[in-house]
N, C-alpha and C. Protein backbone atom coordinates (compact mmCIF):
# COMPACT_ATOMS: atom_id res chain seq x y z
N UNK A 1 154.12 43.69 45.55
CA UNK A 1 154.62 42.60 44.71
C UNK A 1 153.44 41.92 44.02
N UNK A 2 153.59 41.66 42.72
CA UNK A 2 152.52 41.05 41.94
C UNK A 2 152.97 39.67 41.47
N UNK A 3 152.31 38.59 41.89
CA UNK A 3 152.70 37.27 41.41
C UNK A 3 152.32 37.10 39.95
N UNK A 4 153.22 36.49 39.17
CA UNK A 4 152.97 36.26 37.76
C UNK A 4 152.97 34.76 37.50
N UNK A 5 151.96 34.26 36.82
CA UNK A 5 151.91 32.84 36.51
C UNK A 5 152.40 32.60 35.10
N UNK A 6 152.96 31.41 34.84
CA UNK A 6 153.58 31.10 33.56
C UNK A 6 152.55 30.62 32.55
N UNK A 7 152.53 31.22 31.31
CA UNK A 7 151.60 30.76 30.30
C UNK A 7 152.24 29.98 29.18
N UNK A 8 152.11 30.45 27.93
CA UNK A 8 152.18 29.64 26.73
C UNK A 8 153.50 29.13 26.21
N UNK A 9 154.49 29.96 25.95
CA UNK A 9 155.71 29.49 25.31
C UNK A 9 156.72 28.98 26.34
N UNK A 10 157.36 27.85 26.04
CA UNK A 10 158.51 27.41 26.83
C UNK A 10 158.15 27.05 28.26
N UNK A 11 159.19 26.84 29.07
CA UNK A 11 159.01 26.49 30.47
C UNK A 11 159.68 27.53 31.33
N UNK A 12 158.93 28.16 32.20
CA UNK A 12 159.45 29.19 33.09
C UNK A 12 159.01 28.90 34.52
N UNK A 13 159.75 29.44 35.50
CA UNK A 13 159.33 29.27 36.88
C UNK A 13 157.94 29.87 37.09
N UNK A 14 157.16 29.25 37.95
CA UNK A 14 155.83 29.76 38.24
C UNK A 14 155.85 30.69 39.46
N UNK A 15 154.82 31.52 39.53
CA UNK A 15 154.64 32.41 40.69
C UNK A 15 155.87 33.28 40.91
N UNK A 16 156.30 33.95 39.88
CA UNK A 16 157.42 34.86 40.01
C UNK A 16 157.00 36.15 40.71
N UNK A 17 157.89 36.70 41.51
CA UNK A 17 157.68 38.00 42.12
C UNK A 17 158.02 39.07 41.09
N UNK A 18 157.10 39.99 40.85
CA UNK A 18 157.32 41.09 39.91
C UNK A 18 157.18 42.39 40.68
N UNK A 19 158.29 43.06 40.94
CA UNK A 19 158.26 44.32 41.66
C UNK A 19 157.81 45.45 40.74
N UNK A 20 157.28 46.54 41.29
CA UNK A 20 156.89 47.68 40.46
C UNK A 20 158.05 48.17 39.59
N UNK A 21 157.77 48.41 38.32
CA UNK A 21 158.81 48.91 37.41
C UNK A 21 159.63 47.83 36.75
N UNK A 22 159.40 46.56 37.11
CA UNK A 22 160.15 45.44 36.53
C UNK A 22 159.32 44.79 35.43
N UNK A 23 159.98 44.47 34.31
CA UNK A 23 159.29 43.89 33.16
C UNK A 23 158.68 42.54 33.52
N UNK A 24 157.40 42.44 33.31
CA UNK A 24 156.69 41.20 33.58
C UNK A 24 156.91 40.22 32.43
N UNK A 25 157.22 38.95 32.70
CA UNK A 25 157.39 37.98 31.61
C UNK A 25 156.16 37.97 30.70
N UNK A 26 156.44 38.07 29.38
CA UNK A 26 155.38 38.11 28.40
C UNK A 26 155.72 37.17 27.25
N UNK A 27 155.04 37.36 26.12
CA UNK A 27 155.21 36.44 24.99
C UNK A 27 156.66 36.34 24.54
N UNK A 28 157.39 37.47 24.55
CA UNK A 28 158.78 37.41 24.12
C UNK A 28 159.62 36.56 25.07
N UNK A 29 159.30 36.63 26.37
CA UNK A 29 160.02 35.82 27.36
C UNK A 29 159.79 34.33 27.11
N UNK A 30 158.54 33.97 26.87
CA UNK A 30 158.23 32.55 26.67
C UNK A 30 158.79 32.03 25.34
N UNK A 31 158.80 32.89 24.34
CA UNK A 31 159.37 32.48 23.06
C UNK A 31 160.87 32.22 23.21
N UNK A 32 161.55 33.06 23.99
CA UNK A 32 162.97 32.87 24.23
C UNK A 32 163.21 31.63 25.10
N UNK A 33 162.34 31.38 26.04
CA UNK A 33 162.45 30.16 26.86
C UNK A 33 162.32 28.92 26.00
N UNK A 34 161.41 28.97 25.03
CA UNK A 34 161.25 27.84 24.12
C UNK A 34 162.52 27.62 23.31
N UNK A 35 163.12 28.71 22.82
CA UNK A 35 164.38 28.59 22.07
C UNK A 35 165.49 28.01 22.95
N UNK A 36 165.54 28.45 24.19
CA UNK A 36 166.56 27.94 25.12
C UNK A 36 166.40 26.44 25.33
N UNK A 37 165.17 25.96 25.34
CA UNK A 37 164.92 24.54 25.61
C UNK A 37 165.51 23.64 24.52
N UNK A 38 165.84 24.20 23.37
CA UNK A 38 166.42 23.41 22.28
C UNK A 38 167.94 23.43 22.26
N UNK A 39 168.54 24.17 23.20
CA UNK A 39 170.00 24.25 23.27
C UNK A 39 170.54 23.28 24.32
N UNK A 40 171.80 22.91 24.13
CA UNK A 40 172.46 22.03 25.10
C UNK A 40 172.97 22.89 26.25
N UNK A 41 172.30 22.79 27.37
CA UNK A 41 172.68 23.53 28.58
C UNK A 41 172.71 22.54 29.73
N UNK A 42 173.87 22.45 30.41
CA UNK A 42 173.99 21.50 31.51
C UNK A 42 174.95 22.05 32.56
N UNK A 43 175.39 21.19 33.45
CA UNK A 43 176.22 21.63 34.58
C UNK A 43 177.58 22.16 34.14
N UNK A 44 177.98 21.88 32.91
CA UNK A 44 179.26 22.38 32.40
C UNK A 44 179.11 23.70 31.66
N UNK A 45 177.90 24.25 31.61
CA UNK A 45 177.64 25.45 30.81
C UNK A 45 177.70 26.71 31.67
N UNK A 46 178.22 27.77 31.06
CA UNK A 46 178.17 29.11 31.64
C UNK A 46 177.18 29.93 30.81
N UNK A 47 176.18 30.48 31.49
CA UNK A 47 175.10 31.18 30.82
C UNK A 47 175.02 32.62 31.31
N UNK A 48 174.80 33.54 30.39
CA UNK A 48 174.60 34.95 30.72
C UNK A 48 173.20 35.36 30.27
N UNK A 49 172.46 36.01 31.17
CA UNK A 49 171.13 36.53 30.84
C UNK A 49 171.19 38.05 30.90
N UNK A 50 171.12 38.70 29.73
CA UNK A 50 171.21 40.16 29.63
C UNK A 50 169.82 40.77 29.80
N UNK A 51 169.70 41.71 30.74
CA UNK A 51 168.41 42.33 31.00
C UNK A 51 167.46 41.34 31.63
N UNK A 52 167.85 40.80 32.76
CA UNK A 52 167.15 39.64 33.32
C UNK A 52 165.75 39.91 33.81
N UNK A 53 165.43 41.15 34.20
CA UNK A 53 164.09 41.44 34.71
C UNK A 53 163.81 40.64 35.97
N UNK A 54 162.79 39.82 35.95
CA UNK A 54 162.44 38.99 37.11
C UNK A 54 163.40 37.83 37.32
N UNK A 55 164.27 37.58 36.32
CA UNK A 55 165.16 36.43 36.40
C UNK A 55 164.55 35.17 35.82
N UNK A 56 163.41 35.28 35.16
CA UNK A 56 162.68 34.09 34.68
C UNK A 56 163.54 33.20 33.79
N UNK A 57 164.20 33.78 32.80
CA UNK A 57 165.01 32.97 31.87
C UNK A 57 166.26 32.45 32.56
N UNK A 58 166.88 33.29 33.36
CA UNK A 58 168.08 32.87 34.08
C UNK A 58 167.79 31.68 34.98
N UNK A 59 166.65 31.69 35.63
CA UNK A 59 166.28 30.59 36.52
C UNK A 59 165.95 29.33 35.74
N UNK A 60 165.38 29.49 34.54
CA UNK A 60 165.13 28.32 33.70
C UNK A 60 166.45 27.65 33.34
N UNK A 61 167.48 28.45 33.05
CA UNK A 61 168.79 27.90 32.74
C UNK A 61 169.43 27.29 33.99
N UNK A 62 169.26 27.96 35.13
CA UNK A 62 169.86 27.47 36.38
C UNK A 62 169.29 26.11 36.77
N UNK A 63 168.05 25.83 36.36
CA UNK A 63 167.42 24.56 36.69
C UNK A 63 168.16 23.38 36.08
N UNK A 64 168.93 23.62 35.03
CA UNK A 64 169.69 22.54 34.38
C UNK A 64 170.99 22.23 35.12
N UNK A 65 171.33 23.07 36.10
CA UNK A 65 172.60 22.91 36.80
C UNK A 65 173.68 23.83 36.26
N UNK A 66 173.35 24.61 35.23
CA UNK A 66 174.34 25.52 34.63
C UNK A 66 174.72 26.62 35.61
N UNK A 67 175.91 27.18 35.39
CA UNK A 67 176.35 28.35 36.13
C UNK A 67 175.78 29.57 35.40
N UNK A 68 174.92 30.32 36.08
CA UNK A 68 174.18 31.38 35.41
C UNK A 68 174.45 32.73 36.07
N UNK A 69 174.73 33.72 35.23
CA UNK A 69 174.84 35.10 35.69
C UNK A 69 173.76 35.92 35.02
N UNK A 70 173.06 36.71 35.82
CA UNK A 70 172.00 37.58 35.31
C UNK A 70 172.39 39.03 35.59
N UNK A 71 172.21 39.90 34.61
CA UNK A 71 172.59 41.30 34.78
C UNK A 71 171.45 42.20 34.32
N UNK A 72 171.28 43.33 35.02
CA UNK A 72 170.24 44.28 34.64
C UNK A 72 170.65 45.67 35.14
N UNK A 73 170.25 46.70 34.38
CA UNK A 73 170.57 48.07 34.78
C UNK A 73 169.59 48.60 35.82
N UNK A 74 168.52 47.85 36.06
CA UNK A 74 167.48 48.28 36.99
C UNK A 74 167.68 47.62 38.35
N UNK A 75 167.78 48.45 39.41
CA UNK A 75 167.90 47.89 40.75
C UNK A 75 166.66 47.08 41.15
N UNK A 76 165.44 47.55 40.88
CA UNK A 76 164.28 46.71 41.20
C UNK A 76 164.33 45.35 40.51
N UNK A 77 164.84 45.30 39.27
CA UNK A 77 164.96 44.02 38.58
C UNK A 77 165.98 43.13 39.28
N UNK A 78 167.08 43.70 39.68
CA UNK A 78 168.11 42.91 40.39
C UNK A 78 167.53 42.33 41.68
N UNK A 79 166.80 43.15 42.41
CA UNK A 79 166.19 42.68 43.66
C UNK A 79 165.16 41.59 43.38
N UNK A 80 164.33 41.79 42.34
CA UNK A 80 163.32 40.79 42.00
C UNK A 80 163.97 39.46 41.61
N UNK A 81 165.03 39.53 40.80
CA UNK A 81 165.71 38.30 40.38
C UNK A 81 166.30 37.57 41.58
N UNK A 82 166.87 38.32 42.51
CA UNK A 82 167.43 37.70 43.72
C UNK A 82 166.33 37.05 44.56
N UNK A 83 165.21 37.74 44.71
CA UNK A 83 164.10 37.18 45.47
C UNK A 83 163.56 35.92 44.82
N UNK A 84 163.45 35.94 43.50
CA UNK A 84 162.92 34.77 42.81
C UNK A 84 163.89 33.59 42.87
N UNK A 85 165.19 33.88 42.80
CA UNK A 85 166.18 32.80 42.94
C UNK A 85 166.08 32.17 44.32
N UNK A 86 165.94 33.01 45.34
CA UNK A 86 165.79 32.50 46.71
C UNK A 86 164.51 31.68 46.84
N UNK A 87 163.45 32.19 46.25
CA UNK A 87 162.16 31.49 46.34
C UNK A 87 162.20 30.15 45.61
N UNK A 88 162.90 30.11 44.47
CA UNK A 88 162.99 28.87 43.70
C UNK A 88 164.10 27.95 44.20
N UNK A 89 164.91 28.45 45.15
CA UNK A 89 166.03 27.69 45.71
C UNK A 89 167.00 27.26 44.60
N UNK A 90 167.33 28.24 43.76
CA UNK A 90 168.26 28.00 42.65
C UNK A 90 169.43 28.97 42.76
N UNK A 91 170.65 28.49 42.48
CA UNK A 91 171.81 29.38 42.54
C UNK A 91 171.82 30.31 41.33
N UNK A 92 171.96 31.59 41.59
CA UNK A 92 171.96 32.58 40.51
C UNK A 92 172.81 33.77 40.95
N UNK A 93 173.77 34.13 40.12
CA UNK A 93 174.55 35.33 40.39
C UNK A 93 173.89 36.50 39.66
N UNK A 94 173.47 37.50 40.43
CA UNK A 94 172.78 38.65 39.85
C UNK A 94 173.62 39.89 40.07
N UNK A 95 173.90 40.62 38.99
CA UNK A 95 174.70 41.83 39.08
C UNK A 95 173.95 43.02 38.50
N UNK A 96 174.26 44.19 39.02
CA UNK A 96 173.62 45.42 38.57
C UNK A 96 174.58 46.20 37.69
N UNK A 97 174.07 46.70 36.56
CA UNK A 97 174.88 47.57 35.71
C UNK A 97 174.80 47.19 34.25
N UNK A 98 175.68 47.80 33.47
CA UNK A 98 175.73 47.56 32.04
C UNK A 98 176.34 46.19 31.77
N UNK A 99 175.69 45.42 30.90
CA UNK A 99 176.13 44.04 30.68
C UNK A 99 177.55 43.97 30.13
N UNK A 100 177.94 44.90 29.27
CA UNK A 100 179.28 44.85 28.68
C UNK A 100 180.35 45.11 29.74
N UNK A 101 180.09 46.09 30.61
CA UNK A 101 181.06 46.40 31.66
C UNK A 101 181.16 45.28 32.68
N UNK A 102 180.05 44.65 32.99
CA UNK A 102 180.03 43.61 34.02
C UNK A 102 180.63 42.29 33.54
N UNK A 103 180.77 42.12 32.25
CA UNK A 103 181.26 40.82 31.73
C UNK A 103 182.55 40.97 30.93
N UNK A 104 183.24 42.07 31.09
CA UNK A 104 184.45 42.30 30.30
C UNK A 104 185.46 41.17 30.49
N UNK A 105 186.01 40.71 29.37
CA UNK A 105 187.03 39.65 29.34
C UNK A 105 186.51 38.29 29.81
N UNK A 106 185.20 38.09 29.79
CA UNK A 106 184.64 36.79 30.15
C UNK A 106 183.85 36.25 28.98
N UNK A 107 183.76 34.92 28.90
CA UNK A 107 183.05 34.27 27.79
C UNK A 107 182.07 33.25 28.32
N UNK A 108 181.03 33.01 27.52
CA UNK A 108 179.92 32.16 27.95
C UNK A 108 179.56 31.16 26.86
N UNK A 109 178.91 30.08 27.29
CA UNK A 109 178.43 29.07 26.33
C UNK A 109 177.09 29.48 25.73
N UNK A 110 176.27 30.15 26.52
CA UNK A 110 174.98 30.63 26.04
C UNK A 110 174.76 32.04 26.56
N UNK A 111 174.36 32.94 25.68
CA UNK A 111 173.97 34.29 26.07
C UNK A 111 172.52 34.50 25.66
N UNK A 112 171.70 34.90 26.63
CA UNK A 112 170.28 35.18 26.39
C UNK A 112 170.07 36.69 26.42
N UNK A 113 169.26 37.21 25.51
CA UNK A 113 169.01 38.65 25.49
C UNK A 113 167.58 38.93 25.08
N UNK A 114 166.87 39.58 25.96
CA UNK A 114 165.55 40.13 25.66
C UNK A 114 165.65 41.64 25.90
N UNK A 115 166.30 42.34 24.97
CA UNK A 115 166.60 43.76 25.20
C UNK A 115 165.40 44.65 24.96
N UNK A 116 165.44 45.88 25.44
CA UNK A 116 164.41 46.85 25.02
C UNK A 116 164.42 46.95 23.50
N UNK A 117 163.23 46.95 22.88
CA UNK A 117 163.21 47.00 21.41
C UNK A 117 162.01 47.76 20.84
N UNK A 118 161.25 48.43 21.67
CA UNK A 118 160.10 49.16 21.15
C UNK A 118 160.55 50.53 20.62
N UNK A 119 160.29 50.82 19.34
CA UNK A 119 160.64 52.14 18.81
C UNK A 119 159.94 53.25 19.59
N UNK A 120 160.67 54.33 19.80
CA UNK A 120 160.16 55.43 20.61
C UNK A 120 160.52 56.76 19.97
N UNK A 121 159.67 57.76 20.15
CA UNK A 121 159.96 59.09 19.63
C UNK A 121 161.12 59.74 20.37
N UNK A 122 161.44 59.23 21.55
CA UNK A 122 162.58 59.78 22.29
C UNK A 122 163.88 59.39 21.59
N UNK A 123 164.80 60.34 21.43
CA UNK A 123 166.06 60.02 20.74
C UNK A 123 166.93 59.03 21.48
N UNK A 124 166.76 58.96 22.80
CA UNK A 124 167.56 58.03 23.61
C UNK A 124 166.63 57.20 24.49
N UNK A 125 167.04 55.98 24.81
CA UNK A 125 166.22 55.15 25.71
C UNK A 125 166.04 55.81 27.07
N UNK A 126 164.96 55.47 27.73
CA UNK A 126 164.69 56.01 29.06
C UNK A 126 165.79 55.62 30.03
N UNK A 127 166.15 56.54 30.89
CA UNK A 127 167.21 56.28 31.88
C UNK A 127 166.65 55.74 33.18
N UNK A 128 165.36 55.84 33.36
CA UNK A 128 164.75 55.35 34.61
C UNK A 128 163.28 55.03 34.36
N UNK A 129 162.69 54.36 35.34
CA UNK A 129 161.28 54.03 35.24
C UNK A 129 161.04 52.76 34.44
N UNK A 130 159.78 52.34 34.42
CA UNK A 130 159.42 51.09 33.77
C UNK A 130 159.74 51.11 32.28
N UNK A 131 159.66 52.28 31.62
CA UNK A 131 159.86 52.37 30.17
C UNK A 131 161.26 51.97 29.74
N UNK A 132 162.22 51.99 30.65
CA UNK A 132 163.58 51.59 30.26
C UNK A 132 163.63 50.12 29.87
N UNK A 133 162.59 49.35 30.23
CA UNK A 133 162.55 47.93 29.86
C UNK A 133 162.09 47.71 28.43
N UNK A 134 161.53 48.77 27.78
CA UNK A 134 161.08 48.56 26.40
C UNK A 134 161.49 49.67 25.43
N UNK A 135 161.63 50.93 25.88
CA UNK A 135 162.01 52.00 24.95
C UNK A 135 163.43 51.81 24.44
N UNK A 136 163.61 51.95 23.11
CA UNK A 136 164.94 51.67 22.53
C UNK A 136 165.27 52.58 21.36
N UNK A 137 164.88 53.85 21.46
CA UNK A 137 165.23 54.81 20.42
C UNK A 137 164.31 54.73 19.21
N UNK A 138 164.46 55.66 18.25
CA UNK A 138 163.53 55.75 17.11
C UNK A 138 163.42 54.49 16.26
N UNK A 139 164.49 53.71 16.16
CA UNK A 139 164.41 52.49 15.35
C UNK A 139 164.32 51.22 16.20
N UNK A 140 164.29 51.39 17.52
CA UNK A 140 164.18 50.23 18.42
C UNK A 140 165.45 49.42 18.56
N UNK A 141 166.58 49.94 18.05
CA UNK A 141 167.80 49.14 17.99
C UNK A 141 168.91 49.63 18.92
N UNK A 142 168.61 50.55 19.82
CA UNK A 142 169.66 51.13 20.66
C UNK A 142 170.42 50.06 21.45
N UNK A 143 169.72 49.09 21.99
CA UNK A 143 170.37 48.03 22.77
C UNK A 143 170.67 46.83 21.90
N UNK A 144 169.80 46.54 20.94
CA UNK A 144 170.04 45.41 20.03
C UNK A 144 171.40 45.53 19.37
N UNK A 145 171.74 46.72 18.88
CA UNK A 145 173.01 46.90 18.18
C UNK A 145 174.20 46.74 19.13
N UNK A 146 174.04 47.11 20.38
CA UNK A 146 175.12 46.90 21.37
C UNK A 146 175.32 45.42 21.62
N UNK A 147 174.22 44.67 21.73
CA UNK A 147 174.35 43.23 21.93
C UNK A 147 175.05 42.60 20.73
N UNK A 148 174.67 43.03 19.52
CA UNK A 148 175.32 42.49 18.31
C UNK A 148 176.82 42.78 18.32
N UNK A 149 177.19 43.98 18.73
CA UNK A 149 178.60 44.37 18.73
C UNK A 149 179.41 43.60 19.77
N UNK A 150 178.79 43.29 20.90
CA UNK A 150 179.50 42.63 22.00
C UNK A 150 179.48 41.10 21.90
N UNK A 151 178.53 40.56 21.16
CA UNK A 151 178.32 39.11 21.14
C UNK A 151 179.57 38.31 20.79
N UNK A 152 180.35 38.68 19.76
CA UNK A 152 181.52 37.87 19.43
C UNK A 152 182.50 37.71 20.60
N UNK A 153 182.66 38.77 21.40
CA UNK A 153 183.58 38.71 22.53
C UNK A 153 182.98 37.99 23.73
N UNK A 154 181.65 37.86 23.76
CA UNK A 154 180.99 37.21 24.90
C UNK A 154 180.91 35.69 24.75
N UNK A 155 181.02 35.21 23.52
CA UNK A 155 180.80 33.79 23.27
C UNK A 155 182.10 33.01 23.15
N UNK A 156 182.11 31.83 23.76
CA UNK A 156 183.20 30.88 23.53
C UNK A 156 183.03 30.23 22.16
N UNK A 157 184.07 29.63 21.63
CA UNK A 157 183.88 28.85 20.40
C UNK A 157 182.76 27.83 20.59
N UNK A 158 181.83 27.83 19.66
CA UNK A 158 180.67 26.95 19.79
C UNK A 158 179.55 27.54 20.63
N UNK A 159 179.81 28.72 21.23
CA UNK A 159 178.78 29.35 22.05
C UNK A 159 177.67 29.94 21.22
N UNK A 160 176.50 30.13 21.87
CA UNK A 160 175.30 30.54 21.16
C UNK A 160 174.67 31.77 21.82
N UNK A 161 174.29 32.73 20.99
CA UNK A 161 173.46 33.86 21.42
C UNK A 161 172.03 33.61 20.98
N UNK A 162 171.09 33.79 21.90
CA UNK A 162 169.66 33.76 21.58
C UNK A 162 169.08 35.11 21.95
N UNK A 163 168.58 35.82 20.95
CA UNK A 163 168.01 37.15 21.21
C UNK A 163 166.62 37.24 20.60
N UNK A 164 165.72 37.86 21.33
CA UNK A 164 164.36 38.06 20.83
C UNK A 164 164.14 39.55 20.62
N UNK A 165 163.45 39.89 19.54
CA UNK A 165 163.01 41.28 19.38
C UNK A 165 161.88 41.36 18.36
N UNK A 166 161.33 42.54 18.20
CA UNK A 166 160.20 42.75 17.31
C UNK A 166 160.63 42.77 15.85
N UNK A 167 159.72 42.33 14.98
CA UNK A 167 159.97 42.44 13.56
C UNK A 167 160.07 43.88 13.10
N UNK A 168 159.56 44.83 13.89
CA UNK A 168 159.67 46.24 13.55
C UNK A 168 161.12 46.72 13.53
N UNK A 169 161.99 46.00 14.23
CA UNK A 169 163.38 46.45 14.40
C UNK A 169 164.31 45.98 13.29
N UNK A 170 163.78 45.23 12.34
CA UNK A 170 164.62 44.80 11.22
C UNK A 170 165.47 43.59 11.53
N UNK A 171 164.89 42.40 11.60
CA UNK A 171 165.67 41.18 11.83
C UNK A 171 166.83 40.99 10.84
N UNK A 172 166.67 41.31 9.55
CA UNK A 172 167.82 41.16 8.63
C UNK A 172 169.02 42.00 9.05
N UNK A 173 168.78 43.18 9.62
CA UNK A 173 169.88 44.02 10.09
C UNK A 173 170.61 43.36 11.26
N UNK A 174 169.85 42.71 12.12
CA UNK A 174 170.47 42.00 13.26
C UNK A 174 171.33 40.85 12.77
N UNK A 175 170.79 40.06 11.86
CA UNK A 175 171.55 38.95 11.31
C UNK A 175 172.82 39.45 10.63
N UNK A 176 172.71 40.53 9.84
CA UNK A 176 173.86 41.07 9.12
C UNK A 176 174.93 41.57 10.08
N UNK A 177 174.54 42.24 11.15
CA UNK A 177 175.52 42.75 12.13
C UNK A 177 176.24 41.60 12.83
N UNK A 178 175.51 40.57 13.18
CA UNK A 178 176.13 39.43 13.85
C UNK A 178 177.08 38.70 12.91
N UNK A 179 176.68 38.55 11.66
CA UNK A 179 177.56 37.89 10.69
C UNK A 179 178.80 38.74 10.41
N UNK A 180 178.66 40.06 10.44
CA UNK A 180 179.81 40.93 10.25
C UNK A 180 180.82 40.76 11.39
N UNK A 181 180.34 40.31 12.55
CA UNK A 181 181.23 40.07 13.69
C UNK A 181 181.82 38.67 13.69
N UNK A 182 181.57 37.91 12.62
CA UNK A 182 182.17 36.59 12.51
C UNK A 182 181.31 35.45 13.01
N UNK A 183 180.06 35.73 13.37
CA UNK A 183 179.17 34.68 13.84
C UNK A 183 178.28 34.19 12.70
N UNK A 184 177.81 32.97 12.80
CA UNK A 184 176.75 32.51 11.91
C UNK A 184 175.43 32.85 12.59
N UNK A 185 174.49 33.42 11.84
CA UNK A 185 173.26 33.91 12.46
C UNK A 185 172.06 33.68 11.55
N UNK A 186 170.91 33.45 12.17
CA UNK A 186 169.68 33.28 11.41
C UNK A 186 168.48 33.47 12.33
N UNK A 187 167.34 33.74 11.71
CA UNK A 187 166.07 33.76 12.44
C UNK A 187 165.60 32.31 12.57
N UNK A 188 165.39 31.85 13.79
CA UNK A 188 165.02 30.46 14.01
C UNK A 188 163.59 30.27 14.48
N UNK A 189 162.91 31.35 14.86
CA UNK A 189 161.52 31.22 15.29
C UNK A 189 160.81 32.56 15.12
N UNK A 190 159.52 32.48 14.88
CA UNK A 190 158.69 33.67 14.76
C UNK A 190 157.37 33.41 15.49
N UNK A 191 156.79 34.48 16.00
CA UNK A 191 155.49 34.38 16.63
C UNK A 191 154.73 35.68 16.39
N UNK A 192 153.44 35.57 16.23
CA UNK A 192 152.59 36.74 16.05
C UNK A 192 151.76 36.93 17.31
N UNK A 193 151.87 38.13 17.91
CA UNK A 193 151.18 38.39 19.18
C UNK A 193 150.39 39.69 19.06
N UNK A 194 149.31 39.82 19.83
CA UNK A 194 148.53 41.07 19.78
C UNK A 194 149.35 42.26 20.27
N UNK A 195 149.09 43.41 19.69
CA UNK A 195 149.71 44.64 20.19
C UNK A 195 149.33 44.86 21.65
N UNK A 196 150.32 45.27 22.43
CA UNK A 196 150.08 45.64 23.81
C UNK A 196 149.77 47.13 23.92
N UNK A 197 149.57 47.61 25.14
CA UNK A 197 149.19 49.02 25.35
C UNK A 197 150.25 50.02 24.88
N UNK A 198 151.54 49.65 24.97
CA UNK A 198 152.59 50.59 24.55
C UNK A 198 152.52 50.85 23.05
N UNK A 199 152.41 49.78 22.26
CA UNK A 199 152.32 49.96 20.81
C UNK A 199 151.02 50.67 20.42
N UNK A 200 149.93 50.31 21.07
CA UNK A 200 148.65 50.96 20.74
C UNK A 200 148.71 52.45 20.99
N UNK A 201 149.39 52.85 22.07
CA UNK A 201 149.49 54.27 22.39
C UNK A 201 150.36 55.02 21.39
N UNK A 202 151.22 54.29 20.66
CA UNK A 202 152.14 54.93 19.71
C UNK A 202 151.74 54.71 18.26
N UNK A 203 150.53 54.27 18.04
CA UNK A 203 150.09 53.90 16.70
C UNK A 203 150.34 55.01 15.68
N UNK A 204 149.90 56.21 15.97
CA UNK A 204 150.04 57.32 15.02
C UNK A 204 151.50 57.57 14.70
N UNK A 205 152.35 57.60 15.71
CA UNK A 205 153.78 57.85 15.50
C UNK A 205 154.41 56.71 14.70
N UNK A 206 154.08 55.47 15.03
CA UNK A 206 154.64 54.32 14.32
C UNK A 206 154.25 54.34 12.84
N UNK A 207 153.02 54.74 12.57
CA UNK A 207 152.58 54.83 11.18
C UNK A 207 153.33 55.92 10.43
N UNK A 208 153.56 57.05 11.08
CA UNK A 208 154.31 58.13 10.44
C UNK A 208 155.75 57.71 10.15
N UNK A 209 156.30 56.82 10.98
CA UNK A 209 157.68 56.35 10.78
C UNK A 209 157.76 55.21 9.78
N UNK A 210 156.61 54.75 9.29
CA UNK A 210 156.59 53.63 8.36
C UNK A 210 156.83 52.29 9.04
N UNK A 211 156.65 52.24 10.35
CA UNK A 211 156.88 51.01 11.11
C UNK A 211 155.61 50.20 11.30
N UNK A 212 154.48 50.78 10.98
CA UNK A 212 153.20 50.09 11.13
C UNK A 212 152.24 50.61 10.07
N UNK A 213 151.30 49.75 9.72
CA UNK A 213 150.26 50.12 8.76
C UNK A 213 148.96 50.36 9.48
N UNK A 214 148.09 51.12 8.85
CA UNK A 214 146.78 51.37 9.42
C UNK A 214 146.05 50.04 9.61
N UNK A 215 145.54 49.83 10.79
CA UNK A 215 144.80 48.59 11.07
C UNK A 215 145.64 47.48 11.65
N UNK A 216 146.96 47.65 11.74
CA UNK A 216 147.80 46.62 12.36
C UNK A 216 147.37 46.39 13.80
N UNK A 217 147.24 45.15 14.17
CA UNK A 217 146.85 44.80 15.54
C UNK A 217 147.75 43.72 16.13
N UNK A 218 148.68 43.20 15.32
CA UNK A 218 149.55 42.13 15.78
C UNK A 218 151.00 42.47 15.48
N UNK A 219 151.87 42.01 16.35
CA UNK A 219 153.31 42.26 16.22
C UNK A 219 154.02 40.93 16.00
N UNK A 220 154.97 40.93 15.10
CA UNK A 220 155.79 39.74 14.91
C UNK A 220 156.99 39.79 15.86
N UNK A 221 157.22 38.70 16.56
CA UNK A 221 158.42 38.53 17.38
C UNK A 221 159.32 37.51 16.70
N UNK A 222 160.62 37.73 16.78
CA UNK A 222 161.57 36.80 16.17
C UNK A 222 162.63 36.39 17.18
N UNK A 223 163.12 35.18 17.01
CA UNK A 223 164.30 34.72 17.73
C UNK A 223 165.46 34.72 16.75
N UNK A 224 166.53 35.42 17.12
CA UNK A 224 167.77 35.39 16.35
C UNK A 224 168.74 34.47 17.09
N UNK A 225 169.25 33.46 16.38
CA UNK A 225 170.25 32.57 16.94
C UNK A 225 171.57 32.80 16.23
N UNK A 226 172.60 33.09 17.00
CA UNK A 226 173.94 33.29 16.43
C UNK A 226 174.92 32.37 17.15
N UNK A 227 175.83 31.78 16.39
CA UNK A 227 176.78 30.84 16.97
C UNK A 227 178.21 31.24 16.62
N UNK A 228 179.08 31.13 17.62
CA UNK A 228 180.50 31.41 17.43
C UNK A 228 181.15 30.18 16.80
N UNK A 229 181.87 30.35 15.70
CA UNK A 229 182.47 29.17 15.04
C UNK A 229 183.52 28.49 15.90
């Protein structure tokens, strides 16, 4: 187990347990936490955290007294989120499996999503291992598009989706898909962060796909906010 300390964006629990193969909270996590801090979340709120990983965002929401459900396809992530909830002494319902199947016919006031979004030469996202937390098909949208398709049914009237992903994945496409589902959507925050080891290892492929330019060293992250009318 590797303890992770909280850095720059937003407010997250400190000293999180990160099991092997579980996505460690990074800049995208903190950017999403910052976005969450601007939403009305209280004891009357039902919150869903899609792809919870360590449970960092779910626990931030649970701290407000909200009823929070966290879901992940990774068993190590589910175990880590449960351990962190126990350690933080916060109530958190953690479920394993596909978010759409686990939440069928249920609606939430806030839905958080930090989906896999790194473009990959593999035609399909990884089915196992640590890479399943970031690999998302050739355009990086394999999971993003599923979240967009499911969001209208997941949100109550007035409910809000907050999703973070890379600028490589086409934020305008995300906004357009959400609006096509009847939601109002916009990019509400941006951040520029250094490329990590995964992007650096894929530099040549990303350049061939037109997703990166020679000399790129920073990635833009965006927050998409969508609201159910």
